[in-house]
Amino acid sequence: MSADGTALIQLQGIKKVFYTDEVETHALADVHLEIKQGDYVSIAGPSGCGKTTLLSLLGLLDTPTEGTYLLEDRPVANLSAAERARI
Protein backbone atom coordinates (compact mmCIF):
# COMPACT_ATOMS: atom_id res chain seq x y z
CA MET A 1 0.00 0.00 0.00
CA SER A 2 1.19 3.48 -0.76
CA ALA A 3 1.50 6.23 1.80
CA ASP A 4 -1.12 8.34 0.00
CA GLY A 5 -3.96 7.14 2.22
CA THR A 6 -5.26 4.44 -0.11
CA ALA A 7 -7.39 1.91 1.73
CA LEU A 8 -5.72 -1.30 2.82
CA ILE A 9 -9.12 -2.99 3.20
CA GLN A 10 -12.35 -1.95 1.47
CA LEU A 11 -15.74 -3.58 1.76
CA GLN A 12 -18.41 -2.40 -0.65
CA GLY A 13 -22.02 -3.54 -0.30
CA ILE A 14 -21.10 -6.74 1.55
CA LYS A 15 -23.94 -9.12 2.35
CA LYS A 16 -23.74 -12.51 4.02
CA VAL A 17 -26.67 -14.89 4.12
CA PHE A 18 -26.64 -18.33 5.72
CA TYR A 19 -29.07 -20.86 4.26
CA THR A 20 -30.56 -23.99 5.79
CA ASP A 21 -33.41 -26.14 4.50
CA GLU A 22 -35.98 -24.01 6.29
CA VAL A 23 -34.34 -20.72 7.23
CA GLU A 24 -32.49 -17.90 5.51
CA THR A 25 -30.43 -15.88 8.01
CA HIS A 26 -29.15 -12.46 6.94
CA ALA A 27 -26.00 -11.97 9.02
CA LEU A 28 -24.66 -8.89 7.21
CA ALA A 29 -26.54 -6.45 4.98
CA ASP A 30 -24.94 -3.73 2.82
CA VAL A 31 -21.74 -3.31 4.83
CA HIS A 32 -19.33 -0.60 3.69
CA LEU A 33 -15.96 -0.32 5.44
CA GLU A 34 -12.63 1.30 4.66
CA ILE A 35 -9.49 0.69 6.70
CA LYS A 36 -6.29 2.56 5.90
CA GLN A 37 -2.78 1.63 6.95
CA GLY A 38 -2.19 2.77 10.53
CA ASP A 39 -5.91 2.89 11.40
CA TYR A 40 -7.07 1.40 14.69
CA VAL A 41 -10.38 -0.42 14.34
CA SER A 42 -12.82 -1.77 16.89
CA ILE A 43 -15.78 -3.98 16.04
CA ALA A 44 -18.52 -3.69 18.67
CA GLY A 45 -22.21 -4.43 18.93
CA PRO A 46 -24.82 -6.58 20.61
CA SER A 47 -24.85 -10.36 20.49
CA GLY A 48 -25.95 -11.67 17.11
CA CYS A 49 -25.31 -8.48 15.13
CA GLY A 50 -22.68 -10.02 12.79
CA LYS A 51 -19.34 -9.17 14.43
CA THR A 52 -17.91 -12.69 14.12
CA THR A 53 -19.23 -13.03 10.57
CA LEU A 54 -17.55 -9.76 9.61
CA LEU A 55 -14.25 -10.83 11.17
CA SER A 56 -14.44 -14.19 9.37
CA LEU A 57 -14.84 -12.36 6.07
CA LEU A 58 -12.01 -9.94 6.84
CA GLY A 59 -9.76 -12.88 7.79
CA LEU A 60 -10.57 -14.66 4.51
CA LEU A 61 -12.11 -17.60 6.39
CA ASP A 62 -15.44 -17.10 4.62
CA THR A 63 -16.73 -15.37 1.50
CA PRO A 64 -19.53 -12.83 1.16
CA THR A 65 -22.83 -13.73 -0.48
CA GLU A 66 -22.73 -10.37 -2.31
CA GLY A 67 -20.50 -7.34 -2.57
CA THR A 68 -16.83 -6.58 -3.11
CA TYR A 69 -13.90 -7.05 -0.74
CA LEU A 70 -10.70 -5.33 -1.85
CA LEU A 71 -7.40 -6.05 -0.12
CA GLU A 72 -4.74 -3.56 -1.21
CA ASP A 73 -6.98 -2.75 -4.22
CA ARG A 74 -7.16 -6.43 -5.28
CA PRO A 75 -10.52 -8.21 -5.23
CA VAL A 76 -10.16 -11.12 -2.82
CA ALA A 77 -12.61 -13.08 -4.97
CA ASN A 78 -9.74 -13.40 -7.49
CA LEU A 79 -7.31 -14.90 -4.96
CA SER A 80 -6.50 -18.60 -5.15
CA ALA A 81 -6.82 -20.82 -2.08
CA ALA A 82 -3.02 -20.80 -1.76
CA GLU A 83 -2.92 -16.98 -1.85
CA ARG A 84 -5.68 -16.77 0.77
CA ALA A 85 -3.78 -19.16 3.03
CA ARG A 86 -0.55 -17.21 2.61
CA ILE A 87 -2.25 -13.95 3.62
PDB file of N, CA and C in Angstrom:
ATOM      1  N   MET A   1       0.830  -1.180   0.000  1.00  0.00           N
ATOM      2  CA  MET A   1       0.000   0.000   0.000  1.00  0.00           C
ATOM      3  C   MET A   1       0.872   1.239   0.000  1.00  0.00           C
ATOM      4  N   SER A   2       0.444   2.224  -0.709  1.00  0.00           N
ATOM      5  CA  SER A   2       1.186   3.479  -0.762  1.00  0.00           C
ATOM      6  C   SER A   2       0.867   4.337   0.453  1.00  0.00           C
ATOM      7  N   ALA A   3       1.689   5.334   0.654  1.00  0.00           N
ATOM      8  CA  ALA A   3       1.502   6.227   1.802  1.00  0.00           C
ATOM      9  C   ALA A   3       0.500   7.336   1.515  1.00  0.00           C
ATOM     10  N   ASP A   4      -0.200   7.265   0.391  1.00  0.00           N
ATOM     11  CA  ASP A   4      -1.121   8.339   0.005  1.00  0.00           C
ATOM     12  C   ASP A   4      -2.502   8.219   0.642  1.00  0.00           C
ATOM     13  N   GLY A   5      -2.670   7.281   1.558  1.00  0.00           N
ATOM     14  CA  GLY A   5      -3.960   7.137   2.222  1.00  0.00           C
ATOM     15  C   GLY A   5      -4.904   6.180   1.535  1.00  0.00           C
ATOM     16  N   THR A   6      -4.426   5.431   0.550  1.00  0.00           N
ATOM     17  CA  THR A   6      -5.257   4.436  -0.110  1.00  0.00           C
ATOM     18  C   THR A   6      -5.672   3.377   0.904  1.00  0.00           C
ATOM     19  N   ALA A   7      -6.876   2.900   0.781  1.00  0.00           N
ATOM     20  CA  ALA A   7      -7.388   1.915   1.734  1.00  0.00           C
ATOM     21  C   ALA A   7      -6.641   0.595   1.615  1.00  0.00           C
ATOM     22  N   LEU A   8      -6.316   0.025   2.756  1.00  0.00           N
ATOM     23  CA  LEU A   8      -5.722  -1.303   2.822  1.00  0.00           C
ATOM     24  C   LEU A   8      -6.819  -2.349   2.635  1.00  0.00           C
ATOM     25  N   ILE A   9      -7.953  -2.102   3.288  1.00  0.00           N
ATOM     26  CA  ILE A   9      -9.119  -2.985   3.201  1.00  0.00           C
ATOM     27  C   ILE A   9     -10.332  -2.147   2.841  1.00  0.00           C
ATOM     28  N   GLN A  10     -11.091  -2.612   1.848  1.00  0.00           N
ATOM     29  CA  GLN A  10     -12.349  -1.951   1.468  1.00  0.00           C
ATOM     30  C   GLN A  10     -13.434  -2.999   1.319  1.00  0.00           C
ATOM     31  N   LEU A  11     -14.550  -2.764   1.959  1.00  0.00           N
ATOM     32  CA  LEU A  11     -15.742  -3.577   1.763  1.00  0.00           C
ATOM     33  C   LEU A  11     -16.793  -2.682   1.134  1.00  0.00           C
ATOM     34  N   GLN A  12     -17.414  -3.182   0.071  1.00  0.00           N
ATOM     35  CA  GLN A  12     -18.414  -2.400  -0.653  1.00  0.00           C
ATOM     36  C   GLN A  12     -19.675  -3.240  -0.836  1.00  0.00           C
ATOM     37  N   GLY A  13     -20.735  -2.859  -0.148  1.00  0.00           N
ATOM     38  CA  GLY A  13     -22.020  -3.541  -0.302  1.00  0.00           C
ATOM     39  C   GLY A  13     -21.995  -5.007   0.092  1.00  0.00           C
ATOM     40  N   ILE A  14     -21.251  -5.342   1.138  1.00  0.00           N
ATOM     41  CA  ILE A  14     -21.102  -6.740   1.551  1.00  0.00           C
ATOM     42  C   ILE A  14     -22.380  -7.248   2.212  1.00  0.00           C
ATOM     43  N   LYS A  15     -22.803  -8.418   1.752  1.00  0.00           N
ATOM     44  CA  LYS A  15     -23.935  -9.122   2.354  1.00  0.00           C
ATOM     45  C   LYS A  15     -23.497 -10.553   2.627  1.00  0.00           C
ATOM     46  N   LYS A  16     -23.990 -11.108   3.713  1.00  0.00           N
ATOM     47  CA  LYS A  16     -23.741 -12.513   4.022  1.00  0.00           C
ATOM     48  C   LYS A  16     -25.039 -13.125   4.493  1.00  0.00           C
ATOM     49  N   VAL A  17     -25.446 -14.172   3.790  1.00  0.00           N
ATOM     50  CA  VAL A  17     -26.674 -14.886   4.117  1.00  0.00           C
ATOM     51  C   VAL A  17     -26.313 -16.350   4.347  1.00  0.00           C
ATOM     52  N   PHE A  18     -26.809 -16.912   5.435  1.00  0.00           N
ATOM     53  CA  PHE A  18     -26.639 -18.333   5.720  1.00  0.00           C
ATOM     54  C   PHE A  18     -27.957 -19.025   5.408  1.00  0.00           C
ATOM     55  N   TYR A  19     -27.879 -20.129   4.670  1.00  0.00           N
ATOM     56  CA  TYR A  19     -29.072 -20.857   4.260  1.00  0.00           C
ATOM     57  C   TYR A  19     -29.113 -22.227   4.929  1.00  0.00           C
ATOM     58  N   THR A  20     -30.296 -22.614   5.378  1.00  0.00           N
ATOM     59  CA  THR A  20     -30.564 -23.991   5.788  1.00  0.00           C
ATOM     60  C   THR A  20     -31.789 -24.430   4.997  1.00  0.00           C
ATOM     61  N   ASP A  21     -32.233 -25.647   5.224  1.00  0.00           N
ATOM     62  CA  ASP A  21     -33.408 -26.139   4.500  1.00  0.00           C
ATOM     63  C   ASP A  21     -34.639 -25.275   4.731  1.00  0.00           C
ATOM     64  N   GLU A  22     -34.761 -24.725   5.933  1.00  0.00           N
ATOM     65  CA  GLU A  22     -35.978 -24.010   6.288  1.00  0.00           C
ATOM     66  C   GLU A  22     -35.796 -22.518   6.539  1.00  0.00           C
ATOM     67  N   VAL A  23     -34.560 -22.093   6.784  1.00  0.00           N
ATOM     68  CA  VAL A  23     -34.343 -20.716   7.232  1.00  0.00           C
ATOM     69  C   VAL A  23     -33.254 -20.032   6.411  1.00  0.00           C
ATOM     70  N   GLU A  24     -33.472 -18.765   6.172  1.00  0.00           N
ATOM     71  CA  GLU A  24     -32.494 -17.900   5.514  1.00  0.00           C
ATOM     72  C   GLU A  24     -32.129 -16.822   6.538  1.00  0.00           C
ATOM     73  N   THR A  25     -30.864 -16.816   6.981  1.00  0.00           N
ATOM     74  CA  THR A  25     -30.431 -15.876   8.012  1.00  0.00           C
ATOM     75  C   THR A  25     -29.522 -14.825   7.401  1.00  0.00           C
ATOM     76  N   HIS A  26     -29.946 -13.574   7.462  1.00  0.00           N
ATOM     77  CA  HIS A  26     -29.154 -12.460   6.941  1.00  0.00           C
ATOM     78  C   HIS A  26     -28.239 -11.956   8.056  1.00  0.00           C
ATOM     79  N   ALA A  27     -26.963 -12.332   7.972  1.00  0.00           N
ATOM     80  CA  ALA A  27     -26.005 -11.971   9.018  1.00  0.00           C
ATOM     81  C   ALA A  27     -25.424 -10.579   8.800  1.00  0.00           C
ATOM     82  N   LEU A  28     -25.185 -10.219   7.550  1.00  0.00           N
ATOM     83  CA  LEU A  28     -24.664  -8.889   7.206  1.00  0.00           C
ATOM     84  C   LEU A  28     -25.463  -8.347   6.034  1.00  0.00           C
ATOM     85  N   ALA A  29     -25.767  -7.059   6.060  1.00  0.00           N
ATOM     86  CA  ALA A  29     -26.539  -6.447   4.984  1.00  0.00           C
ATOM     87  C   ALA A  29     -25.940  -5.096   4.614  1.00  0.00           C
ATOM     88  N   ASP A  30     -25.438  -4.988   3.386  1.00  0.00           N
ATOM     89  CA  ASP A  30     -24.943  -3.729   2.817  1.00  0.00           C
ATOM     90  C   ASP A  30     -23.871  -3.064   3.684  1.00  0.00           C
ATOM     91  N   VAL A  31     -22.834  -3.827   4.011  1.00  0.00           N
ATOM     92  CA  VAL A  31     -21.738  -3.312   4.834  1.00  0.00           C
ATOM     93  C   VAL A  31     -20.721  -2.596   3.950  1.00  0.00           C
ATOM     94  N   HIS A  32     -20.374  -1.388   4.343  1.00  0.00           N
ATOM     95  CA  HIS A  32     -19.326  -0.600   3.690  1.00  0.00           C
ATOM     96  C   HIS A  32     -18.298  -0.262   4.758  1.00  0.00           C
ATOM     97  N   LEU A  33     -17.028  -0.533   4.459  1.00  0.00           N
ATOM     98  CA  LEU A  33     -15.965  -0.318   5.437  1.00  0.00           C
ATOM     99  C   LEU A  33     -14.682   0.016   4.696  1.00  0.00           C
ATOM    100  N   GLU A  34     -13.928   0.952   5.235  1.00  0.00           N
ATOM    101  CA  GLU A  34     -12.627   1.301   4.665  1.00  0.00           C
ATOM    102  C   GLU A  34     -11.627   1.412   5.807  1.00  0.00           C
ATOM    103  N   ILE A  35     -10.543   0.661   5.698  1.00  0.00           N
ATOM    104  CA  ILE A  35      -9.486   0.690   6.703  1.00  0.00           C
ATOM    105  C   ILE A  35      -8.185   1.047   5.999  1.00  0.00           C
ATOM    106  N   LYS A  36      -7.558   2.116   6.477  1.00  0.00           N
ATOM    107  CA  LYS A  36      -6.286   2.564   5.901  1.00  0.00           C
ATOM    108  C   LYS A  36      -5.136   2.107   6.787  1.00  0.00           C
ATOM    109  N   GLN A  37      -3.954   2.022   6.195  1.00  0.00           N
ATOM    110  CA  GLN A  37      -2.775   1.632   6.954  1.00  0.00           C
ATOM    111  C   GLN A  37      -2.609   2.567   8.149  1.00  0.00           C
ATOM    112  N   GLY A  38      -2.368   1.990   9.320  1.00  0.00           N
ATOM    113  CA  GLY A  38      -2.192   2.774  10.531  1.00  0.00           C
ATOM    114  C   GLY A  38      -3.470   3.024  11.302  1.00  0.00           C
ATOM    115  N   ASP A  39      -4.630   2.720  10.701  1.00  0.00           N
ATOM    116  CA  ASP A  39      -5.906   2.888  11.400  1.00  0.00           C
ATOM    117  C   ASP A  39      -6.026   1.883  12.538  1.00  0.00           C
ATOM    118  N   TYR A  40      -6.674   2.294  13.610  1.00  0.00           N
ATOM    119  CA  TYR A  40      -7.067   1.401  14.690  1.00  0.00           C
ATOM    120  C   TYR A  40      -8.560   1.170  14.531  1.00  0.00           C
ATOM    121  N   VAL A  41      -8.978  -0.085  14.584  1.00  0.00           N
ATOM    122  CA  VAL A  41     -10.377  -0.422  14.337  1.00  0.00           C
ATOM    123  C   VAL A  41     -10.910  -1.276  15.478  1.00  0.00           C
ATOM    124  N   SER A  42     -12.122  -0.977  15.882  1.00  0.00           N
ATOM    125  CA  SER A  42     -12.816  -1.766  16.892  1.00  0.00           C
ATOM    126  C   SER A  42     -14.150  -2.201  16.304  1.00  0.00           C
ATOM    127  N   ILE A  43     -14.496  -3.454  16.494  1.00  0.00           N
ATOM    128  CA  ILE A  43     -15.784  -3.976  16.043  1.00  0.00           C
ATOM    129  C   ILE A  43     -16.605  -4.256  17.299  1.00  0.00           C
ATOM    130  N   ALA A  44     -17.702  -3.548  17.466  1.00  0.00           N
ATOM    131  CA  ALA A  44     -18.521  -3.689  18.669  1.00  0.00           C
ATOM    132  C   ALA A  44     -19.992  -3.736  18.297  1.00  0.00           C
ATOM    133  N   GLY A  45     -20.774  -4.375  19.137  1.00  0.00           N
ATOM    134  CA  GLY A  45     -22.210  -4.430  18.926  1.00  0.00           C
ATOM    135  C   GLY A  45     -22.822  -5.519  19.774  1.00  0.00           C
ATOM    136  N   PRO A  46     -24.145  -5.580  19.796  1.00  0.00           N
ATOM    137  CA  PRO A  46     -24.824  -6.583  20.614  1.00  0.00           C
ATOM    138  C   PRO A  46     -24.645  -7.991  20.054  1.00  0.00           C
ATOM    139  N   SER A  47     -24.917  -8.962  20.884  1.00  0.00           N
ATOM    140  CA  SER A  47     -24.850 -10.363  20.487  1.00  0.00           C
ATOM    141  C   SER A  47     -25.732 -10.607  19.264  1.00  0.00           C
ATOM    142  N   GLY A  48     -25.178 -11.318  18.289  1.00  0.00           N
ATOM    143  CA  GLY A  48     -25.952 -11.673  17.108  1.00  0.00           C
ATOM    144  C   GLY A  48     -25.998 -10.631  16.013  1.00  0.00           C
ATOM    145  N   CYS A  49     -25.221  -9.551  16.129  1.00  0.00           N
ATOM    146  CA  CYS A  49     -25.306  -8.478  15.130  1.00  0.00           C
ATOM    147  C   CYS A  49     -24.386  -8.694  13.923  1.00  0.00           C
ATOM    148  N   GLY A  50     -23.518  -9.730  13.955  1.00  0.00           N
ATOM    149  CA  GLY A  50     -22.681 -10.020  12.793  1.00  0.00           C
ATOM    150  C   GLY A  50     -21.198  -9.745  12.973  1.00  0.00           C
ATOM    151  N   LYS A  51     -20.760  -9.481  14.188  1.00  0.00           N
ATOM    152  CA  LYS A  51     -19.337  -9.170  14.432  1.00  0.00           C
ATOM    153  C   LYS A  51     -18.431 -10.320  14.007  1.00  0.00           C
ATOM    154  N   THR A  52     -18.737 -11.527  14.447  1.00  0.00           N
ATOM    155  CA  THR A  52     -17.911 -12.689  14.120  1.00  0.00           C
ATOM    156  C   THR A  52     -17.958 -12.980  12.631  1.00  0.00           C
ATOM    157  N   THR A  53     -19.109 -12.833  12.019  1.00  0.00           N
ATOM    158  CA  THR A  53     -19.231 -13.035  10.575  1.00  0.00           C
ATOM    159  C   THR A  53     -18.356 -12.039   9.829  1.00  0.00           C
ATOM    160  N   LEU A  54     -18.381 -10.786  10.236  1.00  0.00           N
ATOM    161  CA  LEU A  54     -17.551  -9.759   9.608  1.00  0.00           C
ATOM    162  C   LEU A  54     -16.074 -10.098   9.755  1.00  0.00           C
ATOM    163  N   LEU A  55     -15.652 -10.489  10.949  1.00  0.00           N
ATOM    164  CA  LEU A  55     -14.246 -10.828  11.170  1.00  0.00           C
ATOM    165  C   LEU A  55     -13.834 -12.063  10.368  1.00  0.00           C
ATOM    166  N   SER A  56     -14.731 -13.015  10.198  1.00  0.00           N
ATOM    167  CA  SER A  56     -14.442 -14.192   9.373  1.00  0.00           C
ATOM    168  C   SER A  56     -14.238 -13.806   7.913  1.00  0.00           C
ATOM    169  N   LEU A  57     -15.020 -12.853   7.438  1.00  0.00           N
ATOM    170  CA  LEU A  57     -14.840 -12.365   6.069  1.00  0.00           C
ATOM    171  C   LEU A  57     -13.524 -11.607   5.937  1.00  0.00           C
ATOM    172  N   LEU A  58     -13.245 -10.723   6.887  1.00  0.00           N
ATOM    173  CA  LEU A  58     -12.010  -9.943   6.842  1.00  0.00           C
ATOM    174  C   LEU A  58     -10.783 -10.846   6.896  1.00  0.00           C
ATOM    175  N   GLY A  59     -10.871 -11.942   7.655  1.00  0.00           N
ATOM    176  CA  GLY A  59      -9.758 -12.878   7.790  1.00  0.00           C
ATOM    177  C   GLY A  59      -9.688 -13.911   6.684  1.00  0.00           C
ATOM    178  N   LEU A  60     -10.529 -13.772   5.672  1.00  0.00           N
ATOM    179  CA  LEU A  60     -10.569 -14.664   4.510  1.00  0.00           C
ATOM    180  C   LEU A  60     -10.937 -16.098   4.875  1.00  0.00           C
ATOM    181  N   LEU A  61     -11.646 -16.277   5.977  1.00  0.00           N
ATOM    182  CA  LEU A  61     -12.108 -17.598   6.386  1.00  0.00           C
ATOM    183  C   LEU A  61     -13.454 -17.938   5.767  1.00  0.00           C
ATOM    184  N   ASP A  62     -14.140 -16.931   5.242  1.00  0.00           N
ATOM    185  CA  ASP A  62     -15.445 -17.103   4.618  1.00  0.00           C
ATOM    186  C   ASP A  62     -15.542 -16.104   3.471  1.00  0.00           C
ATOM    187  N   THR A  63     -16.533 -16.282   2.628  1.00  0.00           N
ATOM    188  CA  THR A  63     -16.727 -15.373   1.495  1.00  0.00           C
ATOM    189  C   THR A  63     -18.104 -14.720   1.595  1.00  0.00           C
ATOM    190  N   PRO A  64     -18.225 -13.498   1.105  1.00  0.00           N
ATOM    191  CA  PRO A  64     -19.531 -12.831   1.159  1.00  0.00           C
ATOM    192  C   PRO A  64     -20.505 -13.435   0.154  1.00  0.00           C
ATOM    193  N   THR A  65     -21.783 -13.315   0.448  1.00  0.00           N
ATOM    194  CA  THR A  65     -22.827 -13.727  -0.484  1.00  0.00           C
ATOM    195  C   THR A  65     -22.911 -12.731  -1.638  1.00  0.00           C
ATOM    196  N   GLU A  66     -22.689 -11.459  -1.321  1.00  0.00           N
ATOM    197  CA  GLU A  66     -22.732 -10.370  -2.305  1.00  0.00           C
ATOM    198  C   GLU A  66     -21.755  -9.295  -1.896  1.00  0.00           C
ATOM    199  N   GLY A  67     -21.349  -8.484  -2.861  1.00  0.00           N
ATOM    200  CA  GLY A  67     -20.501  -7.336  -2.574  1.00  0.00           C
ATOM    201  C   GLY A  67     -19.054  -7.573  -2.964  1.00  0.00           C
ATOM    202  N   THR A  68     -18.235  -6.555  -2.718  1.00  0.00           N
ATOM    203  CA  THR A  68     -16.829  -6.577  -3.107  1.00  0.00           C
ATOM    204  C   THR A  68     -15.941  -6.346  -1.898  1.00  0.00           C
ATOM    205  N   TYR A  69     -14.919  -7.187  -1.781  1.00  0.00           N
ATOM    206  CA  TYR A  69     -13.904  -7.055  -0.740  1.00  0.00           C
ATOM    207  C   TYR A  69     -12.582  -6.835  -1.459  1.00  0.00           C
ATOM    208  N   LEU A  70     -11.993  -5.660  -1.254  1.00  0.00           N
ATOM    209  CA  LEU A  70     -10.701  -5.332  -1.854  1.00  0.00           C
ATOM    210  C   LEU A  70      -9.634  -5.318  -0.769  1.00  0.00           C
ATOM    211  N   LEU A  71      -8.546  -6.020  -1.014  1.00  0.00           N
ATOM    212  CA  LEU A  71      -7.403  -6.049  -0.117  1.00  0.00           C
ATOM    213  C   LEU A  71      -6.231  -5.474  -0.897  1.00  0.00           C
ATOM    214  N   GLU A  72      -5.771  -4.306  -0.481  1.00  0.00           N
ATOM    215  CA  GLU A  72      -4.741  -3.557  -1.212  1.00  0.00           C
ATOM    216  C   GLU A  72      -5.146  -3.394  -2.683  1.00  0.00           C
ATOM    217  N   ASP A  73      -6.391  -3.007  -2.894  1.00  0.00           N
ATOM    218  CA  ASP A  73      -6.978  -2.750  -4.216  1.00  0.00           C
ATOM    219  C   ASP A  73      -7.136  -3.992  -5.092  1.00  0.00           C
ATOM    220  N   ARG A  74      -6.957  -5.179  -4.531  1.00  0.00           N
ATOM    221  CA  ARG A  74      -7.156  -6.433  -5.275  1.00  0.00           C
ATOM    222  C   ARG A  74      -8.422  -7.111  -4.771  1.00  0.00           C
ATOM    223  N   PRO A  75      -9.328  -7.475  -5.669  1.00  0.00           N
ATOM    224  CA  PRO A  75     -10.523  -8.206  -5.234  1.00  0.00           C
ATOM    225  C   PRO A  75     -10.127  -9.565  -4.651  1.00  0.00           C
ATOM    226  N   VAL A  76     -10.526  -9.844  -3.425  1.00  0.00           N
ATOM    227  CA  VAL A  76     -10.157 -11.123  -2.820  1.00  0.00           C
ATOM    228  C   VAL A  76     -10.850 -12.291  -3.514  1.00  0.00           C
ATOM    229  N   ALA A  77     -11.926 -12.023  -4.229  1.00  0.00           N
ATOM    230  CA  ALA A  77     -12.606 -13.083  -4.974  1.00  0.00           C
ATOM    231  C   ALA A  77     -11.689 -13.677  -6.040  1.00  0.00           C
ATOM    232  N   ASN A  78     -10.675 -12.919  -6.470  1.00  0.00           N
ATOM    233  CA  ASN A  78      -9.739 -13.395  -7.489  1.00  0.00           C
ATOM    234  C   ASN A  78      -8.548 -14.148  -6.909  1.00  0.00           C
ATOM    235  N   LEU A  79      -8.436 -14.221  -5.587  1.00  0.00           N
ATOM    236  CA  LEU A  79      -7.306 -14.904  -4.961  1.00  0.00           C
ATOM    237  C   LEU A  79      -7.511 -16.413  -4.967  1.00  0.00           C
ATOM    238  N   SER A  80      -6.438 -17.141  -5.224  1.00  0.00           N
ATOM    239  CA  SER A  80      -6.499 -18.601  -5.149  1.00  0.00           C
ATOM    240  C   SER A  80      -6.519 -19.030  -3.685  1.00  0.00           C
ATOM    241  N   ALA A  81      -6.825 -20.289  -3.453  1.00  0.00           N
ATOM    242  CA  ALA A  81      -6.824 -20.816  -2.082  1.00  0.00           C
ATOM    243  C   ALA A  81      -5.430 -20.693  -1.472  1.00  0.00           C
ATOM    244  N   ALA A  82      -4.397 -20.915  -2.256  1.00  0.00           N
ATOM    245  CA  ALA A  82      -3.019 -20.803  -1.759  1.00  0.00           C
ATOM    246  C   ALA A  82      -2.699 -19.363  -1.367  1.00  0.00           C
ATOM    247  N   GLU A  83      -3.158 -18.392  -2.174  1.00  0.00           N
ATOM    248  CA  GLU A  83      -2.923 -16.978  -1.853  1.00  0.00           C
ATOM    249  C   GLU A  83      -3.671 -16.578  -0.582  1.00  0.00           C
ATOM    250  N   ARG A  84      -4.891 -17.062  -0.441  1.00  0.00           N
ATOM    251  CA  ARG A  84      -5.675 -16.770   0.770  1.00  0.00           C
ATOM    252  C   ARG A  84      -4.967 -17.324   2.003  1.00  0.00           C
ATOM    253  N   ALA A  85      -4.468 -18.534   1.900  1.00  0.00           N
ATOM    254  CA  ALA A  85      -3.782 -19.163   3.033  1.00  0.00           C
ATOM    255  C   ALA A  85      -2.503 -18.409   3.385  1.00  0.00           C
ATOM    256  N   ARG A  86      -1.803 -17.935   2.390  1.00  0.00           N
ATOM    257  CA  ARG A  86      -0.550 -17.208   2.606  1.00  0.00           C
ATOM    258  C   ARG A  86      -0.807 -15.883   3.325  1.00  0.00           C
ATOM    259  N   ILE A  87      -1.916 -15.239   3.003  1.00  0.00           N
ATOM    260  CA  ILE A  87      -2.251 -13.949   3.624  1.00  0.00           C
ATOM    261  C   ILE A  87      -2.621 -14.182   5.061  1.00  0.00           C
TER     262      ILE A  87
END
